[in-house]
PDB file of N, CA and C in Angstrom:
ATOM      1  N   MET A   1     -42.113  12.937 -12.521  1.00  0.00           N
ATOM      2  CA  MET A   1     -43.584  12.241 -13.104  1.00  0.00           C
ATOM      3  C   MET A   1     -44.104  11.700 -11.778  1.00  0.00           C
ATOM      4  N   THR A   2     -45.026  12.204 -11.715  1.00  0.00           N
ATOM      5  CA  THR A   2     -46.086  11.651 -10.092  1.00  0.00           C
ATOM      6  C   THR A   2     -46.728  10.402 -10.275  1.00  0.00           C
ATOM      7  N   THR A   3     -46.506   9.587  -9.244  1.00  0.00           N
ATOM      8  CA  THR A   3     -47.456   8.419  -9.403  1.00  0.00           C
ATOM      9  C   THR A   3     -49.051   9.014  -8.655  1.00  0.00           C
ATOM     10  N   MET A   4     -50.235   8.113  -9.800  1.00  0.00           N
ATOM     11  CA  MET A   4     -51.629   8.355  -8.902  1.00  0.00           C
ATOM     12  C   MET A   4     -51.553   7.262  -7.728  1.00  0.00           C
ATOM     13  N   LYS A   5     -52.180   7.642  -6.915  1.00  0.00           N
ATOM     14  CA  LYS A   5     -52.841   6.692  -5.966  1.00  0.00           C
ATOM     15  C   LYS A   5     -53.860   5.627  -6.565  1.00  0.00           C
ATOM     16  N   ASN A   6     -53.531   4.285  -6.526  1.00  0.00           N
ATOM     17  CA  ASN A   6     -54.799   3.344  -6.722  1.00  0.00           C
ATOM     18  C   ASN A   6     -56.395   3.603  -6.481  1.00  0.00           C
ATOM     19  N   SER A   7     -56.659   4.110  -5.988  1.00  0.00           N
ATOM     20  CA  SER A   7     -57.895   4.303  -5.554  1.00  0.00           C
ATOM     21  C   SER A   7     -57.997   5.625  -4.427  1.00  0.00           C
ATOM     22  N   ILE A   8     -59.167   6.472  -4.763  1.00  0.00           N
ATOM     23  CA  ILE A   8     -59.487   8.076  -3.677  1.00  0.00           C
ATOM     24  C   ILE A   8     -61.024   7.524  -2.996  1.00  0.00           C
ATOM     25  N   HIS A   9     -61.041   9.064  -2.409  1.00  0.00           N
ATOM     26  CA  HIS A   9     -62.617   9.136  -1.909  1.00  0.00           C
ATOM     27  C   HIS A   9     -62.898  10.862  -2.303  1.00  0.00           C
ATOM     28  N   ASP A  10     -63.897  10.916  -2.874  1.00  0.00           N
ATOM     29  CA  ASP A  10     -64.029  12.378  -3.343  1.00  0.00           C
ATOM     30  C   ASP A  10     -65.591  12.388  -1.984  1.00  0.00           C
ATOM     31  N   ASN A  11     -65.411  13.383  -1.175  1.00  0.00           N
ATOM     32  CA  ASN A  11     -65.872  13.847  -0.031  1.00  0.00           C
ATOM     33  C   ASN A  11     -67.069  14.427  -0.524  1.00  0.00           C
ATOM     34  N   ALA A  12     -67.308  15.337  -1.692  1.00  0.00           N
ATOM     35  CA  ALA A  12     -68.554  16.408  -2.334  1.00  0.00           C
ATOM     36  C   ALA A  12     -69.763  15.234  -2.925  1.00  0.00           C
ATOM     37  N   ASN A  13     -69.447  13.808  -3.352  1.00  0.00           N
ATOM     38  CA  ASN A  13     -70.641  13.440  -3.494  1.00  0.00           C
ATOM     39  C   ASN A  13     -70.568  11.805  -2.964  1.00  0.00           C
ATOM     40  N   GLY A  14     -69.429  11.665  -2.182  1.00  0.00           N
ATOM     41  CA  GLY A  14     -69.267  10.087  -1.425  1.00  0.00           C
ATOM     42  C   GLY A  14     -69.203   9.212  -2.466  1.00  0.00           C
ATOM     43  N   LEU A  15     -68.607   9.456  -3.374  1.00  0.00           N
ATOM     44  CA  LEU A  15     -68.058   7.812  -4.022  1.00  0.00           C
ATOM     45  C   LEU A  15     -66.375   7.605  -3.995  1.00  0.00           C
ATOM     46  N   ASP A  16     -66.608   6.673  -3.982  1.00  0.00           N
ATOM     47  CA  ASP A  16     -64.772   6.268  -4.101  1.00  0.00           C
ATOM     48  C   ASP A  16     -64.723   6.215  -5.561  1.00  0.00           C
ATOM     49  N   TYR A  17     -63.338   5.946  -5.841  1.00  0.00           N
ATOM     50  CA  TYR A  17     -63.014   5.826  -7.752  1.00  0.00           C
ATOM     51  C   TYR A  17     -61.491   5.022  -7.474  1.00  0.00           C
ATOM     52  N   THR A  18     -61.321   4.193  -8.555  1.00  0.00           N
ATOM     53  CA  THR A  18     -60.300   3.656  -8.853  1.00  0.00           C
ATOM     54  C   THR A  18     -59.574   3.601  -9.963  1.00  0.00           C
ATOM     55  N   LEU A  19     -57.716   3.255 -10.218  1.00  0.00           N
ATOM     56  CA  LEU A  19     -57.570   4.109 -11.257  1.00  0.00           C
ATOM     57  C   LEU A  19     -57.194   2.951 -12.166  1.00  0.00           C
ATOM     58  N   VAL A  20     -58.218   3.425 -13.199  1.00  0.00           N
ATOM     59  CA  VAL A  20     -57.872   2.352 -14.234  1.00  0.00           C
ATOM     60  C   VAL A  20     -56.948   3.076 -15.540  1.00  0.00           C
ATOM     61  N   ASN A  21     -56.019   1.999 -16.065  1.00  0.00           N
ATOM     62  CA  ASN A  21     -55.191   3.014 -17.035  1.00  0.00           C
ATOM     63  C   ASN A  21     -55.043   4.431 -16.117  1.00  0.00           C
ATOM     64  N   ASP A  22     -54.989   5.355 -16.965  1.00  0.00           N
ATOM     65  CA  ASP A  22     -55.006   6.921 -16.915  1.00  0.00           C
ATOM     66  C   ASP A  22     -56.331   7.482 -15.820  1.00  0.00           C
ATOM     67  N   HIS A  23     -57.688   6.793 -15.718  1.00  0.00           N
ATOM     68  CA  HIS A  23     -58.823   7.765 -15.980  1.00  0.00           C
ATOM     69  C   HIS A  23     -58.968   7.258 -14.411  1.00  0.00           C
ATOM     70  N   TYR A  24     -59.527   7.606 -13.361  1.00  0.00           N
ATOM     71  CA  TYR A  24     -60.414   7.085 -12.138  1.00  0.00           C
ATOM     72  C   TYR A  24     -62.046   6.872 -12.378  1.00  0.00           C
ATOM     73  N   LEU A  25     -62.041   5.880 -12.580  1.00  0.00           N
ATOM     74  CA  LEU A  25     -63.608   5.228 -12.947  1.00  0.00           C
ATOM     75  C   LEU A  25     -64.027   4.914 -11.343  1.00  0.00           C
ATOM     76  N   PRO A  26     -65.651   5.493 -10.974  1.00  0.00           N
ATOM     77  CA  PRO A  26     -66.232   5.518  -9.516  1.00  0.00           C
ATOM     78  C   PRO A  26     -66.654   3.500  -9.416  1.00  0.00           C
ATOM     79  N   ASN A  27     -66.663   3.668  -8.114  1.00  0.00           N
ATOM     80  CA  ASN A  27     -66.410   2.228  -7.527  1.00  0.00           C
ATOM     81  C   ASN A  27     -68.470   1.473  -7.462  1.00  0.00           C
ATOM     82  N   LEU A  28     -68.487   1.570  -8.804  1.00  0.00           N
ATOM     83  CA  LEU A  28     -70.643   1.150  -8.873  1.00  0.00           C
ATOM     84  C   LEU A  28     -70.627  -0.226  -8.999  1.00  0.00           C
ATOM     85  N   THR A  29     -71.495  -0.569  -7.937  1.00  0.00           N
ATOM     86  CA  THR A  29     -72.519  -1.756  -8.169  1.00  0.00           C
ATOM     87  C   THR A  29     -73.792  -1.677  -8.150  1.00  0.00           C
ATOM     88  N   ALA A  30     -74.459  -2.709  -8.576  1.00  0.00           N
ATOM     89  CA  ALA A  30     -76.088  -2.620  -8.706  1.00  0.00           C
ATOM     90  C   ALA A  30     -76.298  -3.053  -7.248  1.00  0.00           C
ATOM     91  N   ALA A  31     -77.785  -2.854  -7.063  1.00  0.00           N
ATOM     92  CA  ALA A  31     -78.069  -3.524  -5.851  1.00  0.00           C
ATOM     93  C   ALA A  31     -79.091  -4.490  -6.070  1.00  0.00           C
ATOM     94  N   ALA A  32     -78.531  -5.765  -5.157  1.00  0.00           N
ATOM     95  CA  ALA A  32     -78.821  -6.919  -4.855  1.00  0.00           C
ATOM     96  C   ALA A  32     -79.811  -6.934  -4.711  1.00  0.00           C
ATOM     97  N   PRO A  33     -80.808  -7.803  -5.625  1.00  0.00           N
ATOM     98  CA  PRO A  33     -82.134  -8.289  -4.840  1.00  0.00           C
ATOM     99  C   PRO A  33     -82.017  -8.942  -3.810  1.00  0.00           C
ATOM    100  N   ALA A  34     -83.362  -8.597  -2.838  1.00  0.00           N
ATOM    101  CA  ALA A  34     -83.778  -9.232  -1.670  1.00  0.00           C
ATOM    102  C   ALA A  34     -83.836 -10.764  -1.610  1.00  0.00           C
ATOM    103  N   GLU A  35     -84.994 -10.847  -2.682  1.00  0.00           N
ATOM    104  CA  GLU A  35     -85.003 -12.141  -2.771  1.00  0.00           C
ATOM    105  C   GLU A  35     -85.559 -12.810  -4.075  1.00  0.00           C
ATOM    106  N   GLN A  36     -85.543 -13.940  -4.714  1.00  0.00           N
ATOM    107  CA  GLN A  36     -85.266 -13.989  -6.182  1.00  0.00           C
ATOM    108  C   GLN A  36     -86.960 -14.369  -6.208  1.00  0.00           C
ATOM    109  N   HIS A  37     -87.294 -13.537  -7.227  1.00  0.00           N
ATOM    110  CA  HIS A  37     -88.524 -13.959  -7.710  1.00  0.00           C
ATOM    111  C   HIS A  37     -89.085 -14.728  -9.169  1.00  0.00           C
ATOM    112  N   PRO A  38     -89.961 -15.654  -9.111  1.00  0.00           N
ATOM    113  CA  PRO A  38     -90.361 -16.451 -10.151  1.00  0.00           C
ATOM    114  C   PRO A  38     -91.105 -15.880 -10.709  1.00  0.00           C
ATOM    115  N   THR A  39     -90.497 -15.233 -12.407  1.00  0.00           N
ATOM    116  CA  THR A  39     -91.318 -14.570 -13.465  1.00  0.00           C
ATOM    117  C   THR A  39     -91.739 -15.677 -14.656  1.00  0.00           C
ATOM    118  N   GLY A  40     -93.115 -15.653 -14.783  1.00  0.00           N
ATOM    119  CA  GLY A  40     -93.428 -16.136 -15.875  1.00  0.00           C
ATOM    120  C   GLY A  40     -93.451 -15.185 -17.330  1.00  0.00           C
ATOM    121  N   ARG A  41     -94.273 -16.123 -18.493  1.00  0.00           N
ATOM    122  CA  ARG A  41     -94.608 -15.546 -19.788  1.00  0.00           C
ATOM    123  C   ARG A  41     -94.713 -14.192 -19.233  1.00  0.00           C
ATOM    124  N   TRP A  42     -95.194 -13.482 -18.878  1.00  0.00           N
ATOM    125  CA  TRP A  42     -95.797 -12.140 -19.041  1.00  0.00           C
ATOM    126  C   TRP A  42     -95.276 -11.288 -18.600  1.00  0.00           C
ATOM    127  N   GLY A  43     -94.073 -11.818 -17.160  1.00  0.00           N
ATOM    128  CA  GLY A  43     -93.445 -10.896 -16.812  1.00  0.00           C
ATOM    129  C   GLY A  43     -92.318 -10.863 -17.857  1.00  0.00           C
ATOM    130  N   ARG A  44     -91.799 -11.541 -18.564  1.00  0.00           N
ATOM    131  CA  ARG A  44     -90.764 -11.588 -19.345  1.00  0.00           C
ATOM    132  C   ARG A  44     -91.178 -10.874 -20.698  1.00  0.00           C
ATOM    133  N   LEU A  45     -92.094 -11.254 -21.299  1.00  0.00           N
ATOM    134  CA  LEU A  45     -92.827 -10.174 -22.009  1.00  0.00           C
ATOM    135  C   LEU A  45     -92.265  -8.743 -22.154  1.00  0.00           C
ATOM    136  N   HIS A  46     -93.040  -8.470 -20.561  1.00  0.00           N
ATOM    137  CA  HIS A  46     -93.038  -7.279 -20.250  1.00  0.00           C
ATOM    138  C   HIS A  46     -91.543  -6.667 -20.075  1.00  0.00           C
ATOM    139  N   LYS A  47     -90.899  -7.147 -19.496  1.00  0.00           N
ATOM    140  CA  LYS A  47     -89.328  -7.285 -19.176  1.00  0.00           C
ATOM    141  C   LYS A  47     -88.567  -6.975 -20.928  1.00  0.00           C
ATOM    142  N   MET A  48     -88.740  -7.664 -21.823  1.00  0.00           N
ATOM    143  CA  MET A  48     -88.181  -7.084 -23.200  1.00  0.00           C
ATOM    144  C   MET A  48     -89.280  -6.016 -23.403  1.00  0.00           C
ATOM    145  N   TYR A  49     -90.513  -5.799 -23.177  1.00  0.00           N
ATOM    146  CA  TYR A  49     -91.303  -4.371 -23.512  1.00  0.00           C
ATOM    147  C   TYR A  49     -90.029  -2.966 -23.155  1.00  0.00           C
ATOM    148  N   LEU A  50     -90.143  -3.242 -21.895  1.00  0.00           N
ATOM    149  CA  LEU A  50     -89.324  -2.338 -21.223  1.00  0.00           C
ATOM    150  C   LEU A  50     -88.127  -1.976 -21.914  1.00  0.00           C
ATOM    151  N   LYS A  51     -87.287  -3.075 -21.982  1.00  0.00           N
ATOM    152  CA  LYS A  51     -86.015  -2.955 -22.453  1.00  0.00           C
ATOM    153  C   LYS A  51     -86.067  -2.019 -23.684  1.00  0.00           C
ATOM    154  N   GLU A  52     -87.148  -2.229 -24.904  1.00  0.00           N
ATOM    155  CA  GLU A  52     -87.045  -1.745 -26.262  1.00  0.00           C
ATOM    156  C   GLU A  52     -87.934  -0.388 -26.002  1.00  0.00           C
ATOM    157  N   GLN A  53     -88.451  -0.369 -25.159  1.00  0.00           N
ATOM    158  CA  GLN A  53     -89.513   1.113 -25.450  1.00  0.00           C
ATOM    159  C   GLN A  53     -89.303   1.858 -24.350  1.00  0.00           C
ATOM    160  N   HIS A  54     -88.337   1.366 -23.294  1.00  0.00           N
ATOM    161  CA  HIS A  54     -88.444   2.136 -21.762  1.00  0.00           C
ATOM    162  C   HIS A  54     -87.186   2.019 -21.179  1.00  0.00           C
ATOM    163  N   PRO A  55     -85.793   2.221 -21.966  1.00  0.00           N
ATOM    164  CA  PRO A  55     -84.943   1.840 -20.970  1.00  0.00           C
ATOM    165  C   PRO A  55     -84.087   2.263 -20.174  1.00  0.00           C
ATOM    166  N   ILE A  56     -84.604   3.386 -19.952  1.00  0.00           N
ATOM    167  CA  ILE A  56     -84.284   4.675 -18.503  1.00  0.00           C
ATOM    168  C   ILE A  56     -85.197   3.704 -17.686  1.00  0.00           C
ATOM    169  N   ARG A  57     -86.489   3.460 -17.731  1.00  0.00           N
ATOM    170  CA  ARG A  57     -87.391   2.793 -16.651  1.00  0.00           C
ATOM    171  C   ARG A  57     -86.542   1.685 -16.340  1.00  0.00           C
ATOM    172  N   TYR A  58     -86.488   0.619 -17.468  1.00  0.00           N
ATOM    173  CA  TYR A  58     -85.673  -0.564 -16.878  1.00  0.00           C
ATOM    174  C   TYR A  58     -84.718  -0.561 -16.313  1.00  0.00           C
ATOM    175  N   ASN A  59     -83.618   0.478 -16.647  1.00  0.00           N
ATOM    176  CA  ASN A  59     -82.349   0.300 -15.702  1.00  0.00           C
ATOM    177  C   ASN A  59     -82.700   0.934 -14.519  1.00  0.00           C
ATOM    178  N   GLN A  60     -83.257   2.164 -14.388  1.00  0.00           N
ATOM    179  CA  GLN A  60     -84.025   2.119 -13.016  1.00  0.00           C
ATOM    180  C   GLN A  60     -84.423   1.102 -12.044  1.00  0.00           C
ATOM    181  N   LEU A  61     -85.594   0.309 -12.470  1.00  0.00           N
ATOM    182  CA  LEU A  61     -85.587  -1.056 -11.758  1.00  0.00           C
ATOM    183  C   LEU A  61     -84.276  -1.936 -11.957  1.00  0.00           C
ATOM    184  N   LEU A  62     -83.767  -2.055 -12.268  1.00  0.00           N
ATOM    185  CA  LEU A  62     -82.896  -2.964 -12.637  1.00  0.00           C
ATOM    186  C   LEU A  62     -81.472  -2.814 -11.444  1.00  0.00           C
ATOM    187  N   LEU A  63     -80.913  -1.243 -11.859  1.00  0.00           N
ATOM    188  CA  LEU A  63     -79.855  -1.177 -10.595  1.00  0.00           C
ATOM    189  C   LEU A  63     -80.810  -0.836  -9.349  1.00  0.00           C
ATOM    190  N   SER A  64     -81.869  -0.660  -9.055  1.00  0.00           N
ATOM    191  CA  SER A  64     -82.444  -0.486  -7.827  1.00  0.00           C
ATOM    192  C   SER A  64     -82.954  -2.006  -7.335  1.00  0.00           C
ATOM    193  N   GLY A  65     -82.802  -3.136  -8.030  1.00  0.00           N
ATOM    194  CA  GLY A  65     -83.168  -3.880  -7.060  1.00  0.00           C
ATOM    195  C   GLY A  65     -84.378  -4.581  -7.412  1.00  0.00           C
ATOM    196  N   GLU A  66     -85.132  -3.565  -7.936  1.00  0.00           N
ATOM    197  CA  GLU A  66     -86.673  -3.976  -8.060  1.00  0.00           C
ATOM    198  C   GLU A  66     -86.904  -4.338  -9.170  1.00  0.00           C
ATOM    199  N   LEU A  67     -86.833  -4.853 -10.471  1.00  0.00           N
ATOM    200  CA  LEU A  67     -86.628  -5.324 -11.095  1.00  0.00           C
ATOM    201  C   LEU A  67     -87.589  -6.916 -11.314  1.00  0.00           C
ATOM    202  N   GLY A  68     -87.213  -7.343 -10.504  1.00  0.00           N
ATOM    203  CA  GLY A  68     -87.437  -8.866 -10.309  1.00  0.00           C
ATOM    204  C   GLY A  68     -89.174  -8.804  -9.565  1.00  0.00           C
ATOM    205  N   GLY A  69     -88.649  -7.950  -8.395  1.00  0.00           N
ATOM    206  CA  GLY A  69     -90.323  -8.226  -7.633  1.00  0.00           C
ATOM    207  C   GLY A  69     -91.131  -7.503  -8.731  1.00  0.00           C
ATOM    208  N   TYR A  70     -90.959  -6.511  -9.018  1.00  0.00           N
ATOM    209  CA  TYR A  70     -92.254  -5.649 -10.176  1.00  0.00           C
ATOM    210  C   TYR A  70     -92.326  -6.476 -11.498  1.00  0.00           C
ATOM    211  N   LEU A  71     -91.784  -7.284 -11.891  1.00  0.00           N
ATOM    212  CA  LEU A  71     -92.159  -8.130 -12.967  1.00  0.00           C
ATOM    213  C   LEU A  71     -92.721  -9.524 -12.534  1.00  0.00           C
ATOM    214  N   ALA A  72     -92.260 -10.071 -11.403  1.00  0.00           N
ATOM    215  CA  ALA A  72     -92.992 -11.400 -10.762  1.00  0.00           C
ATOM    216  C   ALA A  72     -94.964 -10.173 -10.187  1.00  0.00           C
ATOM    217  N   LYS A  73     -94.705  -9.383  -9.885  1.00  0.00           N
ATOM    218  CA  LYS A  73     -96.455  -8.723  -9.323  1.00  0.00           C
ATOM    219  C   LYS A  73     -97.477  -8.888 -10.639  1.00  0.00           C
ATOM    220  N   LEU A  74     -96.567  -8.344 -11.470  1.00  0.00           N
ATOM    221  CA  LEU A  74     -97.251  -7.578 -12.873  1.00  0.00           C
ATOM    222  C   LEU A  74     -97.284  -9.649 -13.345  1.00  0.00           C
ATOM    223  N   ASP A  75     -96.871 -10.458 -13.538  1.00  0.00           N
ATOM    224  CA  ASP A  75     -97.033 -11.549 -14.093  1.00  0.00           C
ATOM    225  C   ASP A  75     -98.555 -12.062 -13.156  1.00  0.00           C
ATOM    226  N   LYS A  76     -98.179 -12.345 -11.982  1.00  0.00           N
ATOM    227  CA  LYS A  76     -99.278 -12.319 -10.955  1.00  0.00           C
ATOM    228  C   LYS A  76    -100.723 -11.843 -11.613  1.00  0.00           C
ATOM    229  N   GLN A  77    -100.243 -10.629 -11.714  1.00  0.00           N
ATOM    230  CA  GLN A  77    -101.298  -9.741 -11.961  1.00  0.00           C
ATOM    231  C   GLN A  77    -102.243 -10.298 -13.331  1.00  0.00           C
ATOM    232  N   VAL A  78    -101.680 -10.309 -14.435  1.00  0.00           N
ATOM    233  CA  VAL A  78    -102.118 -11.013 -15.528  1.00  0.00           C
ATOM    234  C   VAL A  78    -102.635 -11.816 -15.796  1.00  0.00           C
ATOM    235  N   GLU A  79    -102.051 -12.846 -14.546  1.00  0.00           N
ATOM    236  CA  GLU A  79    -102.315 -14.766 -14.749  1.00  0.00           C
ATOM    237  C   GLU A  79    -103.863 -14.316 -14.123  1.00  0.00           C
ATOM    238  N   GLU A  80    -104.198 -13.917 -13.018  1.00  0.00           N
ATOM    239  CA  GLU A  80    -105.106 -13.529 -12.289  1.00  0.00           C
ATOM    240  C   GLU A  80    -106.505 -12.678 -13.350  1.00  0.00           C
ATOM    241  N   GLN A  81    -106.233 -11.922 -14.102  1.00  0.00           N
ATOM    242  CA  GLN A  81    -106.518 -11.087 -15.088  1.00  0.00           C
ATOM    243  C   GLN A  81    -107.113 -11.999 -16.067  1.00  0.00           C
ATOM    244  N   LEU A  82    -106.157 -12.746 -16.479  1.00  0.00           N
ATOM    245  CA  LEU A  82    -106.058 -14.228 -17.502  1.00  0.00           C
ATOM    246  C   LEU A  82    -107.263 -15.060 -17.103  1.00  0.00           C
ATOM    247  N   ALA A  83    -107.171 -15.627 -15.957  1.00  0.00           N
ATOM    248  CA  ALA A  83    -107.932 -16.357 -15.265  1.00  0.00           C
ATOM    249  C   ALA A  83    -109.505 -16.169 -15.284  1.00  0.00           C
ATOM    250  N   LEU A  84    -109.851 -15.065 -14.996  1.00  0.00           N
ATOM    251  CA  LEU A  84    -111.122 -14.217 -14.465  1.00  0.00           C
ATOM    252  C   LEU A  84    -111.907 -14.091 -16.160  1.00  0.00           C
ATOM    253  N   THR A  85    -110.777 -13.335 -16.541  1.00  0.00           N
ATOM    254  CA  THR A  85    -111.542 -13.201 -18.612  1.00  0.00           C
ATOM    255  C   THR A  85    -112.045 -14.596 -18.787  1.00  0.00           C
ATOM    256  N   VAL A  86    -111.201 -15.882 -18.733  1.00  0.00           N
ATOM    257  CA  VAL A  86    -111.544 -17.230 -19.514  1.00  0.00           C
ATOM    258  C   VAL A  86    -113.000 -17.123 -18.518  1.00  0.00           C
ATOM    259  N   ARG A  87    -112.908 -17.396 -16.990  1.00  0.00           N
ATOM    260  CA  ARG A  87    -114.105 -17.904 -16.087  1.00  0.00           C
ATOM    261  C   ARG A  87    -115.460 -16.849 -16.782  1.00  0.00           C
ATOM    262  N   GLN A  88    -115.020 -15.647 -16.974  1.00  0.00           N
ATOM    263  CA  GLN A  88    -116.531 -15.207 -17.482  1.00  0.00           C
ATOM    264  C   GLN A  88    -116.680 -15.740 -18.874  1.00  0.00           C
ATOM    265  N   MET A  89    -115.648 -15.859 -19.752  1.00  0.00           N
ATOM    266  CA  MET A  89    -116.289 -16.097 -21.089  1.00  0.00           C
ATOM    267  C   MET A  89    -116.855 -17.491 -20.678  1.00  0.00           C
ATOM    268  N   ARG A  90    -116.541 -18.301 -20.171  1.00  0.00           N
ATOM    269  CA  ARG A  90    -116.753 -19.855 -20.060  1.00  0.00           C
ATOM    270  C   ARG A  90    -118.264 -19.581 -19.392  1.00  0.00           C
ATOM    271  N   ASP A  91    -118.813 -18.593 -18.577  1.00  0.00           N
ATOM    272  CA  ASP A  91    -120.363 -18.389 -18.227  1.00  0.00           C
ATOM    273  C   ASP A  91    -120.999 -17.789 -19.041  1.00  0.00           C
ATOM    274  N   SER A  92    -121.018 -17.216 -19.874  1.00  0.00           N
ATOM    275  CA  SER A  92    -121.346 -16.573 -20.662  1.00  0.00           C
ATOM    276  C   SER A  92    -121.586 -17.488 -21.805  1.00  0.00           C
ATOM    277  N   ALA A  93    -121.106 -18.719 -21.941  1.00  0.00           N
ATOM    278  CA  ALA A  93    -121.326 -18.998 -23.355  1.00  0.00           C
ATOM    279  C   ALA A  93    -121.737 -20.351 -22.609  1.00  0.00           C
ATOM    280  N   VAL A  94    -122.168 -20.636 -21.653  1.00  0.00           N
ATOM    281  CA  VAL A  94    -123.128 -21.965 -20.939  1.00  0.00           C
ATOM    282  C   VAL A  94    -124.351 -21.131 -20.414  1.00  0.00           C
ATOM    283  N   GLY A  95    -124.415 -20.448 -20.174  1.00  0.00           N
ATOM    284  CA  GLY A  95    -125.463 -19.342 -19.469  1.00  0.00           C
ATOM    285  C   GLY A  95    -126.053 -18.621 -20.437  1.00  0.00           C
TER     286      GLY A  95
END
């Protein structure tokens, strides 16, 4: 009986593998986000939308570590657009 190594490295793709039971699984980690971004209501809603309607895009953003920044930027844009719309409605009602 041959004993299997606990970990191996594949030069073809550059990945390391660890032995789990009888199978080698790749050592994968998600990229850590550079900084934490606050996400408001619109960012949370868009995150749910991405998860349900565009799971591949959601996973790409999540695994690349860009999801927090993307949602924070979107949330800021929506807040600015909402403030502009409210201001325009107020000005049109007054004038």
